N, C-alpha and C. Protein backbone atom coordinates (compact mmCIF):
# COMPACT_ATOMS: atom_id res chain seq x y z
N UNK A 1 -26.00 -24.33 49.64
CA UNK A 1 -25.27 -25.12 49.81
C UNK A 1 -25.23 -24.81 51.69
N UNK A 2 -23.97 -25.72 51.88
CA UNK A 2 -25.04 -26.14 53.79
C UNK A 2 -24.22 -25.02 54.92
N UNK A 3 -24.68 -24.06 54.78
CA UNK A 3 -24.31 -22.81 55.59
C UNK A 3 -23.84 -23.53 57.12
N UNK A 4 -22.26 -23.89 57.39
CA UNK A 4 -21.86 -24.10 58.39
C UNK A 4 -21.62 -22.91 59.74
N UNK A 5 -21.88 -21.51 59.47
CA UNK A 5 -20.83 -20.47 59.56
C UNK A 5 -21.33 -19.22 59.49
N UNK A 6 -21.96 -18.29 60.32
CA UNK A 6 -22.38 -17.42 59.69
C UNK A 6 -22.06 -16.43 60.97
N UNK A 7 -20.73 -14.90 60.12
CA UNK A 7 -20.86 -14.38 61.56
C UNK A 7 -21.23 -12.69 60.88
N UNK A 8 -21.90 -12.24 61.87
CA UNK A 8 -22.12 -11.06 61.50
C UNK A 8 -21.33 -10.39 61.65
N UNK A 9 -19.80 -10.18 60.95
CA UNK A 9 -18.50 -9.56 60.66
C UNK A 9 -19.17 -7.48 60.79
N UNK A 10 -19.19 -7.27 60.10
CA UNK A 10 -19.34 -5.61 60.44
C UNK A 10 -20.83 -4.85 60.25
N UNK A 11 -21.18 -3.86 60.98
CA UNK A 11 -22.05 -2.77 61.49
C UNK A 11 -21.82 -1.74 59.98
N UNK A 12 -22.42 -0.96 59.32
CA UNK A 12 -22.41 -0.12 58.97
C UNK A 12 -22.77 1.25 59.32
N UNK A 13 -23.00 2.45 60.04
CA UNK A 13 -23.52 3.64 59.99
C UNK A 13 -23.52 4.32 58.86
N UNK A 14 -24.77 5.67 58.91
CA UNK A 14 -24.41 7.03 58.28
C UNK A 14 -23.26 6.63 57.73
N UNK A 15 -22.24 7.66 59.41
CA UNK A 15 -20.84 7.62 59.36
C UNK A 15 -19.77 7.02 58.84
N UNK A 16 -20.41 6.01 58.81
CA UNK A 16 -18.99 4.51 59.03
C UNK A 16 -18.31 4.95 57.46
N UNK A 17 -16.82 4.00 57.85
CA UNK A 17 -16.24 3.47 56.32
C UNK A 17 -16.64 2.91 55.49
N UNK A 18 -17.27 1.77 54.51
CA UNK A 18 -17.44 1.12 54.67
C UNK A 18 -16.57 -0.04 54.08
N UNK A 19 -16.65 -1.27 54.56
CA UNK A 19 -15.05 -2.23 54.75
C UNK A 19 -15.46 -2.89 52.61
N UNK A 20 -13.88 -2.46 52.91
CA UNK A 20 -13.13 -3.65 50.98
C UNK A 20 -13.43 -4.89 51.28
N UNK A 21 -13.73 -6.10 51.38
CA UNK A 21 -14.60 -6.47 51.45
C UNK A 21 -13.77 -8.03 49.75
N UNK A 22 -13.14 -9.37 50.72
CA UNK A 22 -12.71 -9.66 48.86
C UNK A 22 -13.20 -10.83 49.28
N UNK A 23 -14.49 -11.40 49.08
CA UNK A 23 -14.93 -12.13 48.84
C UNK A 23 -16.92 -11.57 48.77
N UNK A 24 -17.28 -12.80 47.52
CA UNK A 24 -18.24 -11.72 46.65
C UNK A 24 -19.79 -10.97 47.72
N UNK A 25 -20.57 -10.09 47.82
CA UNK A 25 -21.41 -10.06 47.90
C UNK A 25 -22.54 -9.66 47.64
N UNK A 26 -23.59 -9.72 48.14
CA UNK A 26 -25.11 -9.79 47.25
C UNK A 26 -25.87 -9.29 48.51
N UNK A 27 -26.30 -8.31 47.71
CA UNK A 27 -27.96 -7.05 49.00
C UNK A 27 -29.02 -7.06 49.25
N UNK A 28 -29.65 -7.44 49.92
CA UNK A 28 -30.63 -7.57 49.50
C UNK A 28 -31.11 -6.33 49.88
N UNK A 29 -32.57 -5.20 49.62
CA UNK A 29 -33.00 -4.59 48.90
C UNK A 29 -34.58 -4.37 49.60
N UNK A 30 -35.13 -3.91 50.64
CA UNK A 30 -36.57 -4.07 50.18
C UNK A 30 -37.38 -2.75 51.33
N UNK A 31 -38.40 -2.11 51.13
CA UNK A 31 -39.10 -1.37 51.55
C UNK A 31 -39.32 -2.65 53.15
N UNK A 32 -39.23 -0.87 54.43
CA UNK A 32 -39.32 -1.61 55.25
C UNK A 32 -40.85 -2.73 56.05
N UNK A 33 -40.34 -4.44 56.30
CA UNK A 33 -41.46 -5.41 57.35
C UNK A 33 -41.96 -5.80 55.83
N UNK A 34 -40.87 -6.27 55.11
CA UNK A 34 -41.78 -6.97 53.21
C UNK A 34 -40.59 -8.44 53.06
N UNK A 35 -40.59 -8.21 54.71
CA UNK A 35 -40.18 -9.89 55.11
C UNK A 35 -38.30 -9.70 54.32
N UNK A 36 -36.98 -9.56 54.44
CA UNK A 36 -36.18 -9.01 54.86
C UNK A 36 -35.58 -10.04 55.67
N UNK A 37 -35.56 -9.51 56.81
CA UNK A 37 -34.51 -10.07 57.90
C UNK A 37 -35.24 -12.14 57.78
N UNK A 38 -36.84 -12.19 58.00
CA UNK A 38 -36.83 -14.06 57.55
C UNK A 38 -36.22 -14.24 56.32
N UNK A 39 -36.37 -13.89 55.61
CA UNK A 39 -35.45 -14.25 54.36
C UNK A 39 -34.25 -14.33 54.28
N UNK A 40 -33.68 -13.42 54.91
CA UNK A 40 -32.11 -13.90 54.74
C UNK A 40 -31.50 -14.88 56.01
N UNK A 41 -32.56 -14.97 57.18
CA UNK A 41 -32.20 -16.12 58.22
C UNK A 41 -33.02 -17.05 57.51
N UNK A 42 -33.71 -17.28 56.74
CA UNK A 42 -34.12 -18.81 56.18
C UNK A 42 -32.74 -19.18 55.37
N UNK A 43 -32.83 -18.29 54.63
CA UNK A 43 -31.52 -18.65 53.84
C UNK A 43 -29.80 -19.94 54.36
N UNK A 44 -30.27 -18.35 55.84
CA UNK A 44 -28.51 -19.09 56.18
C UNK A 44 -28.81 -19.95 57.00
N UNK A 45 -30.54 -20.86 57.56
CA UNK A 45 -30.87 -22.01 58.15
C UNK A 45 -30.77 -21.36 59.57
N UNK A 46 -31.31 -20.41 59.59
CA UNK A 46 -31.08 -19.87 61.32
C UNK A 46 -32.55 -19.25 61.42
N UNK A 47 -32.85 -19.10 62.33
CA UNK A 47 -34.09 -19.15 62.62
C UNK A 47 -34.55 -17.35 63.22
N UNK A 48 -33.42 -16.81 64.05
CA UNK A 48 -33.36 -15.31 64.30
C UNK A 48 -32.09 -14.78 64.48
N UNK A 49 -31.31 -15.42 63.65
CA UNK A 49 -29.57 -13.99 63.74
C UNK A 49 -29.99 -12.84 62.62
N UNK A 50 -30.66 -12.60 61.77
CA UNK A 50 -31.12 -11.45 61.49
C UNK A 50 -32.08 -11.30 62.53
N UNK A 51 -32.14 -10.05 62.57
CA UNK A 51 -33.43 -9.63 63.27
C UNK A 51 -34.00 -9.38 63.15
N UNK A 52 -35.70 -9.20 62.99
CA UNK A 52 -37.40 -9.46 62.80
C UNK A 52 -37.75 -8.38 63.89
N UNK A 53 -39.11 -7.31 63.75
CA UNK A 53 -39.18 -6.53 64.37
C UNK A 53 -40.26 -6.25 63.60
N UNK A 54 -40.92 -5.72 64.46
CA UNK A 54 -42.63 -5.63 64.60
C UNK A 54 -42.94 -4.03 65.07
N UNK A 55 -41.24 -3.01 64.48
CA UNK A 55 -41.27 -2.05 64.75
C UNK A 55 -41.01 -1.16 63.37
N UNK A 56 -41.31 -1.56 61.80
CA UNK A 56 -41.29 -0.87 61.08
C UNK A 56 -40.24 0.07 60.50
N UNK A 57 -38.65 -0.14 60.32
CA UNK A 57 -37.89 0.65 59.73
C UNK A 57 -35.80 0.65 60.90
N UNK A 58 -36.81 -0.24 61.86
CA UNK A 58 -35.50 -0.22 63.24
C UNK A 58 -34.06 -0.32 62.03
N UNK A 59 -33.98 -0.94 61.48
CA UNK A 59 -33.09 -1.56 60.94
C UNK A 59 -32.37 -0.35 59.34
N UNK A 60 -31.57 0.43 61.16
CA UNK A 60 -30.55 1.95 59.66
C UNK A 60 -29.55 1.60 60.25
N UNK A 61 -29.00 0.29 59.05
CA UNK A 61 -27.38 0.32 59.35
C UNK A 61 -27.01 -1.21 58.35
N UNK A 62 -26.22 -1.22 57.78
CA UNK A 62 -25.51 -2.00 56.60
C UNK A 62 -25.06 -3.27 56.98
N UNK A 63 -25.49 -3.95 57.08
CA UNK A 63 -24.81 -5.31 58.30
C UNK A 63 -25.00 -6.36 57.15
N UNK A 64 -23.32 -7.09 57.21
CA UNK A 64 -22.02 -7.81 56.59
C UNK A 64 -22.19 -8.88 57.31
N UNK A 65 -22.87 -9.87 56.95
CA UNK A 65 -22.65 -11.89 56.94
C UNK A 65 -21.76 -12.28 56.66
N UNK A 66 -21.03 -12.53 57.11
CA UNK A 66 -19.63 -13.73 57.14
C UNK A 66 -20.62 -14.51 56.66
N UNK A 67 -20.93 -15.40 55.92
CA UNK A 67 -21.75 -17.01 55.64
C UNK A 67 -19.99 -18.11 54.66
N UNK A 68 -20.27 -18.71 55.82
CA UNK A 68 -18.99 -20.21 55.21
C UNK A 68 -17.81 -19.77 54.80
N UNK A 69 -17.24 -17.76 54.88
CA UNK A 69 -16.28 -17.29 55.36
C UNK A 69 -15.28 -17.95 53.14
N UNK A 70 -17.14 -17.64 52.97
CA UNK A 70 -17.38 -17.47 51.69
C UNK A 70 -17.89 -16.99 50.00
N UNK A 71 -18.66 -16.10 51.48
CA UNK A 71 -19.07 -15.38 50.41
C UNK A 71 -20.14 -13.89 51.82
N UNK A 72 -20.24 -12.59 51.28
CA UNK A 72 -21.48 -11.70 52.07
C UNK A 72 -22.56 -11.31 52.20
N UNK A 73 -24.38 -11.59 52.46
CA UNK A 73 -25.44 -10.90 53.04
C UNK A 73 -25.07 -9.81 53.21
N UNK A 74 -25.33 -8.91 52.49
CA UNK A 74 -25.59 -7.26 52.74
C UNK A 74 -26.69 -6.74 52.94
N UNK A 75 -27.67 -6.92 54.06
CA UNK A 75 -29.20 -5.85 54.44
C UNK A 75 -27.93 -5.12 54.56
N UNK A 76 -29.62 -4.10 53.04
CA UNK A 76 -29.97 -2.99 53.45
C UNK A 76 -30.58 -2.62 54.52
N UNK A 77 -30.16 -1.13 54.61
CA UNK A 77 -31.39 -0.65 55.27
C UNK A 77 -32.98 -0.38 54.87
N UNK A 78 -34.50 -0.82 55.75
CA UNK A 78 -35.35 -0.68 55.01
C UNK A 78 -35.62 0.40 54.46
N UNK A 79 -36.52 1.16 53.49
CA UNK A 79 -36.81 2.15 52.65
C UNK A 79 -38.65 2.26 52.84
N UNK A 80 -39.11 3.14 52.85
CA UNK A 80 -40.30 3.73 52.49
C UNK A 80 -41.26 4.03 54.29
N UNK A 81 -40.50 3.96 55.24
CA UNK A 81 -41.38 4.10 56.61
C UNK A 81 -41.73 5.41 56.29
N UNK A 82 -43.45 5.55 57.19
CA UNK A 82 -43.20 7.45 56.73
C UNK A 82 -42.91 7.78 57.68
N UNK A 83 -43.15 6.90 59.53
CA UNK A 83 -42.68 8.05 60.76
C UNK A 83 -42.18 8.03 60.84
N UNK A 84 -40.63 7.60 60.14
CA UNK A 84 -38.94 7.88 59.68
C UNK A 84 -38.40 9.63 59.03
N UNK A 85 -37.96 10.31 59.91
CA UNK A 85 -38.06 11.50 59.50
C UNK A 85 -37.64 11.79 58.34
N UNK A 86 -37.44 12.86 56.87
CA UNK A 86 -36.90 12.98 55.94
C UNK A 86 -35.20 12.92 55.56
N UNK A 87 -35.01 13.27 56.50
CA UNK A 87 -33.91 13.96 56.53
C UNK A 87 -33.03 12.38 57.02
N UNK A 88 -33.82 11.42 58.49
CA UNK A 88 -32.94 10.25 57.67
C UNK A 88 -33.30 9.04 56.58
N UNK A 89 -34.61 9.39 56.09
CA UNK A 89 -34.14 9.25 55.06
C UNK A 89 -33.75 9.07 53.99
N UNK A 90 -33.17 10.45 53.85
CA UNK A 90 -31.77 10.42 52.83
C UNK A 90 -31.01 10.35 52.79
N UNK A 91 -30.55 9.82 54.73
CA UNK A 91 -28.89 9.41 54.76
C UNK A 91 -29.30 8.53 54.84
N UNK A 92 -30.47 7.34 54.99
CA UNK A 92 -29.79 5.98 54.53
C UNK A 92 -30.32 5.97 53.63
N UNK A 93 -30.43 6.81 52.23
CA UNK A 93 -30.52 6.80 50.82
C UNK A 93 -29.43 6.70 49.70
N UNK A 94 -28.71 8.28 50.94
CA UNK A 94 -26.51 8.20 50.57
C UNK A 94 -26.19 7.21 50.99
N UNK A 95 -26.05 6.04 51.70
CA UNK A 95 -25.76 4.97 53.01
C UNK A 95 -26.29 4.17 51.31
N UNK A 96 -27.10 3.54 50.91
CA UNK A 96 -27.61 2.55 50.43
C UNK A 96 -26.81 2.91 48.98
N UNK A 97 -26.59 4.18 48.11
CA UNK A 97 -26.12 5.03 46.64
C UNK A 97 -24.88 4.12 47.17
N UNK A 98 -23.60 4.72 47.91
CA UNK A 98 -22.55 4.56 48.67
C UNK A 98 -21.44 3.22 48.54
N UNK A 99 -22.54 2.40 49.35
CA UNK A 99 -22.12 1.25 48.82
C UNK A 99 -22.23 0.30 47.46
N UNK A 100 -24.34 1.10 47.03
CA UNK A 100 -23.92 0.30 45.63
C UNK A 100 -22.75 0.68 44.21
N UNK A 101 -22.67 2.16 44.80
CA UNK A 101 -21.82 2.84 43.69
C UNK A 101 -20.67 2.53 44.54
N UNK A 102 -20.21 2.14 45.56
CA UNK A 102 -18.82 1.60 45.62
C UNK A 102 -17.98 0.46 45.97
N UNK A 103 -18.68 -0.47 46.08
CA UNK A 103 -18.56 -2.37 46.62
C UNK A 103 -18.07 -2.86 45.00
N UNK A 104 -16.61 -3.52 45.30
CA UNK A 104 -16.63 -4.38 44.51
C UNK A 104 -16.01 -5.64 44.05
N UNK A 105 -17.14 -5.49 45.15
CA UNK A 105 -18.08 -7.19 45.13
C UNK A 105 -19.12 -7.00 44.75
N UNK A 106 -19.83 -6.47 45.00
CA UNK A 106 -21.50 -7.07 44.74
C UNK A 106 -21.46 -7.64 42.97
N UNK A 107 -22.03 -8.77 42.87
CA UNK A 107 -22.81 -9.74 42.84
C UNK A 107 -23.70 -9.33 42.23
N UNK A 108 -24.66 -9.42 42.96
CA UNK A 108 -26.32 -9.37 42.62
C UNK A 108 -26.88 -9.09 43.51
N UNK A 109 -28.45 -7.67 43.85
CA UNK A 109 -28.93 -7.32 44.00
C UNK A 109 -30.18 -8.03 44.61
N UNK A 110 -30.76 -8.53 45.30
CA UNK A 110 -31.65 -8.86 45.79
C UNK A 110 -33.43 -8.05 45.59
N UNK A 111 -33.91 -7.03 44.94
CA UNK A 111 -35.28 -6.53 45.12
C UNK A 111 -36.16 -7.13 46.27
N UNK A 112 -37.01 -7.24 47.11
CA UNK A 112 -37.57 -8.12 47.97
C UNK A 112 -39.08 -6.77 47.56
N UNK A 113 -39.29 -7.57 47.15
CA UNK A 113 -41.50 -7.32 46.71
C UNK A 113 -42.90 -7.89 47.27
N UNK A 114 -43.90 -7.20 48.21
CA UNK A 114 -44.68 -8.24 48.90
C UNK A 114 -45.42 -7.96 47.68
N UNK A 115 -45.30 -9.51 47.11
CA UNK A 115 -46.80 -10.27 46.68
C UNK A 115 -47.50 -9.96 46.70
N UNK A 116 -48.51 -9.66 47.80
CA UNK A 116 -49.66 -9.62 48.21
C UNK A 116 -50.21 -8.02 47.29
N UNK A 117 -49.69 -6.95 46.43
CA UNK A 117 -49.77 -5.44 46.94
C UNK A 117 -49.02 -6.36 45.39
N UNK A 118 -48.99 -4.53 44.71
CA UNK A 118 -48.78 -3.82 44.28
C UNK A 118 -47.32 -3.29 43.84
N UNK A 119 -46.53 -2.77 43.72
CA UNK A 119 -45.45 -2.14 43.87
C UNK A 119 -45.61 -1.28 44.25
N UNK A 120 -45.12 -0.25 45.39
CA UNK A 120 -45.70 1.29 45.78
C UNK A 120 -44.75 1.73 44.94
N UNK A 121 -45.10 3.40 44.98
CA UNK A 121 -43.87 4.14 44.94
C UNK A 121 -42.37 4.23 44.77
N UNK A 122 -42.29 3.81 46.48
CA UNK A 122 -41.20 3.30 46.95
C UNK A 122 -40.30 2.36 46.16
N UNK A 123 -41.09 1.25 45.18
CA UNK A 123 -40.42 0.12 45.13
C UNK A 123 -40.11 0.04 44.02
N UNK A 124 -40.68 0.56 43.31
CA UNK A 124 -40.60 1.44 41.39
C UNK A 124 -39.30 2.89 41.50
N UNK A 125 -39.96 3.10 42.46
CA UNK A 125 -38.26 4.57 42.58
C UNK A 125 -36.79 2.98 42.89
N UNK A 126 -37.05 2.54 43.87
CA UNK A 126 -35.76 1.32 44.04
C UNK A 126 -35.36 0.67 43.19
N UNK A 127 -36.45 0.64 41.47
CA UNK A 127 -35.89 -0.77 40.61
C UNK A 127 -35.75 0.08 40.46
N UNK A 128 -35.98 0.85 39.24
CA UNK A 128 -35.01 2.70 38.60
C UNK A 128 -34.44 2.86 38.74
N UNK A 129 -33.37 3.23 40.28
CA UNK A 129 -32.32 3.33 40.45
C UNK A 129 -31.18 2.40 40.55
N UNK A 130 -31.61 1.46 40.02
CA UNK A 130 -30.77 0.12 40.64
C UNK A 130 -29.91 -0.39 39.54
N UNK A 131 -31.31 -0.20 38.02
CA UNK A 131 -30.57 -0.78 36.79
C UNK A 131 -30.81 0.52 35.88
N UNK A 132 -30.82 1.62 36.08
CA UNK A 132 -30.08 2.80 35.98
C UNK A 132 -28.46 2.80 36.30
N UNK A 133 -28.19 2.39 37.22
CA UNK A 133 -27.05 2.00 37.30
C UNK A 133 -25.45 1.14 36.70
N UNK A 134 -26.77 0.14 36.08
CA UNK A 134 -26.36 -0.90 35.44
C UNK A 134 -26.80 -2.25 36.29
N UNK A 135 -27.06 -2.04 37.51
CA UNK A 135 -27.37 -3.76 38.37
C UNK A 135 -28.80 -4.11 36.99
N UNK A 136 -29.03 -5.55 37.48
CA UNK A 136 -30.61 -6.55 36.60
C UNK A 136 -29.98 -6.57 38.33
N UNK A 137 -31.26 -6.09 39.09
CA UNK A 137 -31.58 -6.63 40.05
C UNK A 137 -32.65 -7.91 39.85
N UNK A 138 -32.54 -9.00 40.58
CA UNK A 138 -33.31 -10.78 40.87
C UNK A 138 -34.65 -9.49 41.68
N UNK A 139 -35.80 -9.74 41.44
CA UNK A 139 -36.74 -10.28 42.29
C UNK A 139 -37.06 -10.73 42.96
N UNK A 140 -37.80 -10.97 44.99
CA UNK A 140 -38.30 -11.44 45.26
C UNK A 140 -39.01 -11.59 46.25
N UNK A 141 -40.42 -12.06 45.73
CA UNK A 141 -40.79 -11.65 46.45
C UNK A 141 -42.18 -12.68 46.97
N UNK A 142 -42.05 -11.87 48.50
CA UNK A 142 -42.18 -12.46 49.49
C UNK A 142 -43.74 -12.43 49.72
N UNK A 143 -43.69 -13.38 51.43
CA UNK A 143 -45.01 -13.93 51.52
C UNK A 143 -45.88 -14.85 51.40
N UNK A 144 -45.18 -15.19 50.05
CA UNK A 144 -46.83 -16.18 49.76
C UNK A 144 -47.31 -16.92 50.13
N UNK A 145 -46.38 -17.56 51.73
CA UNK A 145 -47.19 -17.90 52.05
C UNK A 145 -48.56 -17.48 52.55
N UNK A 146 -48.86 -15.84 52.15
CA UNK A 146 -50.71 -15.37 52.41
C UNK A 146 -51.26 -14.55 51.10
N UNK A 147 -50.69 -15.54 50.19
CA UNK A 147 -52.00 -15.49 49.26
C UNK A 147 -52.50 -16.48 48.65
N UNK A 148 -53.61 -17.07 48.35
CA UNK A 148 -53.70 -18.55 47.26
C UNK A 148 -53.00 -18.83 46.54
N UNK A 149 -52.48 -20.53 46.90
CA UNK A 149 -51.40 -20.43 45.27
C UNK A 149 -51.83 -20.54 44.23
N UNK A 150 -53.06 -20.25 43.91
CA UNK A 150 -53.84 -19.74 41.78
C UNK A 150 -53.82 -18.52 41.50
N UNK A 151 -53.25 -17.67 43.47
CA UNK A 151 -53.10 -16.97 43.11
C UNK A 151 -51.24 -16.12 42.40
N UNK A 152 -50.82 -16.80 42.04
CA UNK A 152 -49.86 -17.13 42.43
C UNK A 152 -49.35 -16.33 41.34
N UNK A 153 -49.35 -17.08 39.97
CA UNK A 153 -49.22 -16.01 38.36
C UNK A 153 -49.72 -14.87 38.44
N UNK A 154 -50.89 -15.10 38.97
CA UNK A 154 -51.72 -13.71 39.06
C UNK A 154 -50.30 -12.60 39.41
N UNK A 155 -50.28 -12.81 40.56
CA UNK A 155 -49.18 -11.51 41.60
C UNK A 155 -47.96 -11.56 41.19
N UNK A 156 -47.58 -12.83 40.57
CA UNK A 156 -46.08 -12.36 39.83
C UNK A 156 -46.17 -11.47 39.11
N UNK A 157 -47.75 -12.05 38.20
CA UNK A 157 -47.61 -11.17 36.47
C UNK A 157 -47.55 -9.00 37.16
N UNK A 158 -48.63 -9.09 38.04
CA UNK A 158 -48.60 -7.86 38.67
C UNK A 158 -47.49 -7.09 38.96
N UNK A 159 -46.55 -7.94 39.97
CA UNK A 159 -45.59 -7.46 40.22
C UNK A 159 -44.46 -6.99 39.13
N UNK A 160 -44.22 -7.90 38.13
CA UNK A 160 -43.77 -7.20 36.66
C UNK A 160 -43.99 -6.45 35.58
N UNK A 161 -45.34 -5.81 35.71
CA UNK A 161 -46.62 -4.88 34.87
C UNK A 161 -45.98 -3.55 36.26
N UNK A 162 -46.11 -3.61 37.46
CA UNK A 162 -45.41 -2.48 38.05
C UNK A 162 -44.16 -1.69 38.16
N UNK A 163 -43.47 -3.00 38.05
CA UNK A 163 -41.93 -2.55 38.16
C UNK A 163 -41.72 -1.40 36.91
N UNK A 164 -42.27 -2.23 35.64
CA UNK A 164 -41.37 -2.62 34.22
C UNK A 164 -40.50 -3.24 33.92
N UNK A 165 -40.23 -3.85 34.66
CA UNK A 165 -39.37 -5.12 33.82
C UNK A 165 -38.76 -5.51 33.60
N UNK A 166 -37.20 -4.69 32.87
CA UNK A 166 -37.26 -5.27 31.36
C UNK A 166 -36.96 -6.83 31.95
N UNK A 167 -36.69 -7.31 30.08
CA UNK A 167 -37.03 -8.62 29.68
C UNK A 167 -35.94 -9.75 30.86
N UNK A 168 -35.94 -10.66 30.55
CA UNK A 168 -35.20 -11.47 31.32
C UNK A 168 -34.91 -11.27 32.68
N UNK A 169 -35.75 -10.91 33.46
CA UNK A 169 -35.86 -10.34 34.50
C UNK A 169 -36.37 -11.52 36.21
N UNK A 170 -35.36 -12.20 35.97
CA UNK A 170 -36.08 -13.24 37.20
C UNK A 170 -36.15 -12.98 38.76
N UNK A 171 -37.70 -13.20 38.71
CA UNK A 171 -39.15 -13.59 39.73
C UNK A 171 -38.54 -14.55 40.94
N UNK A 172 -39.01 -14.42 41.89
CA UNK A 172 -38.11 -15.74 42.94
C UNK A 172 -39.78 -15.75 43.04
N UNK A 173 -40.32 -16.42 44.17
CA UNK A 173 -41.38 -16.43 45.40
C UNK A 173 -40.84 -17.19 46.20
N UNK A 174 -41.65 -16.37 47.07
CA UNK A 174 -41.12 -17.34 48.83
C UNK A 174 -41.46 -17.14 49.78
N UNK A 175 -41.57 -17.94 50.71
CA UNK A 175 -41.96 -18.23 52.17
C UNK A 175 -41.57 -18.21 53.00
N UNK A 176 -40.99 -17.57 53.70
CA UNK A 176 -40.91 -17.80 54.92
C UNK A 176 -40.96 -18.61 55.77
N UNK A 177 -42.34 -18.75 55.68
CA UNK A 177 -42.45 -20.23 56.39
C UNK A 177 -42.96 -21.19 56.01
N UNK A 178 -42.67 -21.31 55.13
CA UNK A 178 -42.75 -22.89 53.86
C UNK A 178 -41.35 -23.16 53.20
N UNK A 179 -40.04 -21.71 53.39
CA UNK A 179 -39.66 -21.43 53.07
C UNK A 179 -39.32 -22.51 51.14
N UNK A 180 -40.25 -22.09 50.98
CA UNK A 180 -40.84 -22.22 49.43
C UNK A 180 -39.97 -20.36 48.45
N UNK A 181 -39.31 -21.80 47.22
CA UNK A 181 -38.03 -20.56 47.29
C UNK A 181 -36.41 -20.26 47.16
N UNK A 182 -35.94 -20.29 48.59
CA UNK A 182 -35.01 -20.52 49.46
C UNK A 182 -34.19 -22.15 48.52
N UNK A 183 -34.40 -22.79 47.49
CA UNK A 183 -32.97 -23.48 47.00
C UNK A 183 -32.74 -22.29 46.21
N UNK A 184 -33.73 -22.09 45.37
CA UNK A 184 -33.66 -21.82 43.94
C UNK A 184 -33.04 -20.66 44.49
N UNK A 185 -33.47 -19.91 44.71
CA UNK A 185 -31.80 -18.84 45.59
C UNK A 185 -30.73 -19.16 45.82
N UNK A 186 -30.77 -19.97 46.34
CA UNK A 186 -28.97 -19.77 46.84
C UNK A 186 -28.65 -20.74 45.63
N UNK A 187 -29.33 -21.27 45.18
CA UNK A 187 -28.53 -22.00 43.01
C UNK A 187 -28.42 -20.97 42.39
N UNK A 188 -29.09 -19.96 42.21
CA UNK A 188 -28.92 -19.26 41.84
C UNK A 188 -27.31 -18.51 41.73
N UNK A 189 -27.27 -18.15 43.70
CA UNK A 189 -26.07 -17.04 44.28
C UNK A 189 -25.18 -18.52 43.02
N UNK A 190 -25.27 -19.64 43.87
CA UNK A 190 -24.14 -20.32 43.95
C UNK A 190 -22.99 -20.65 42.57
N UNK A 191 -24.42 -20.21 41.36
CA UNK A 191 -24.26 -20.06 39.80
C UNK A 191 -22.94 -18.98 39.50
N UNK A 192 -23.54 -17.75 40.61
CA UNK A 192 -22.75 -16.98 40.65
C UNK A 192 -21.31 -17.00 40.77
N UNK A 193 -21.79 -17.76 41.61
CA UNK A 193 -19.85 -17.70 42.01
C UNK A 193 -18.92 -18.85 41.84
N UNK A 194 -20.07 -19.75 41.52
CA UNK A 194 -19.06 -20.98 40.70
C UNK A 194 -17.59 -20.10 40.10
N UNK A 195 -16.92 -21.49 40.29
CA UNK A 195 -15.82 -21.31 39.84
C UNK A 195 -15.15 -21.78 37.70
N UNK A 196 -14.68 -20.49 37.16
CA UNK A 196 -15.02 -20.55 35.83
C UNK A 196 -14.57 -21.86 34.91
N UNK A 197 -15.14 -22.64 34.25
CA UNK A 197 -14.83 -23.62 33.15
C UNK A 197 -14.79 -23.55 32.32
N UNK A 198 -13.10 -24.32 31.98
CA UNK A 198 -12.19 -24.35 30.86
C UNK A 198 -12.73 -25.58 30.04
N UNK A 199 -12.53 -24.88 28.48
CA UNK A 199 -13.10 -26.52 27.73
C UNK A 199 -12.01 -26.44 27.70
N UNK A 200 -11.23 -28.26 27.62
CA UNK A 200 -9.92 -28.34 27.20
C UNK A 200 -10.33 -29.47 26.35
N UNK A 201 -10.50 -29.45 24.48
CA UNK A 201 -10.41 -31.08 23.88
C UNK A 201 -12.29 -31.60 23.87
N UNK A 202 -12.46 -30.68 24.69
CA UNK A 202 -14.02 -30.23 23.79
C UNK A 202 -15.11 -30.84 24.96
N UNK A 203 -14.23 -30.71 26.47
CA UNK A 203 -14.73 -31.58 28.16
C UNK A 203 -14.60 -29.88 28.42
N UNK A 204 -15.81 -29.98 29.78
CA UNK A 204 -15.37 -28.53 30.93
C UNK A 204 -15.13 -29.30 31.76
N UNK A 205 -14.43 -28.72 32.18
CA UNK A 205 -13.56 -28.29 33.20
C UNK A 205 -13.35 -27.15 34.95
N UNK A 206 -13.81 -28.36 35.73
CA UNK A 206 -13.90 -26.30 36.96
C UNK A 206 -12.68 -26.02 37.11
N UNK A 207 -11.92 -25.30 36.67
CA UNK A 207 -10.30 -25.45 37.14
C UNK A 207 -10.37 -25.04 38.69
């Protein structure tokens, strides 16, 4: 998709009323400092629209980005940052849960995992929680440029086994530096929001 218009439309904190959007939503979840903002910026083809930070745990809200008046990117608060109080972690958790269980337009959850390391306990908890509630997350293995090319398959296997992913789970390696994986992620989103196809006289037609 050629992104021509981006708008940070809604920002929701722990006490906010979540919006009832009418366009498809794609949520991005991951631990603090996993590269979530960098991924979103790459997908939007913007350098710094979604704020990146050297201070993990800074994102404390759910941010809704309107893309081309066609869909939303939903940036969820990062999890697992040790310096955040337990009380705030619980509030963020409830906020994320409220969104994931309450959205009528959520089409896909992208769960970001650092390709360099085995999934953390928080990563495993998040994956299990997402699947328990009936979602089939797509795993984005970030920071691909930080490992040797020859290590890619080994590290993807490490993520697959570490999360104990369900058969058929999609794992897409991604690099914010080289943009590898960007087109594959967009192709997946395009396929999800593509118009339905009717079969007439043995031929397919877009409606």
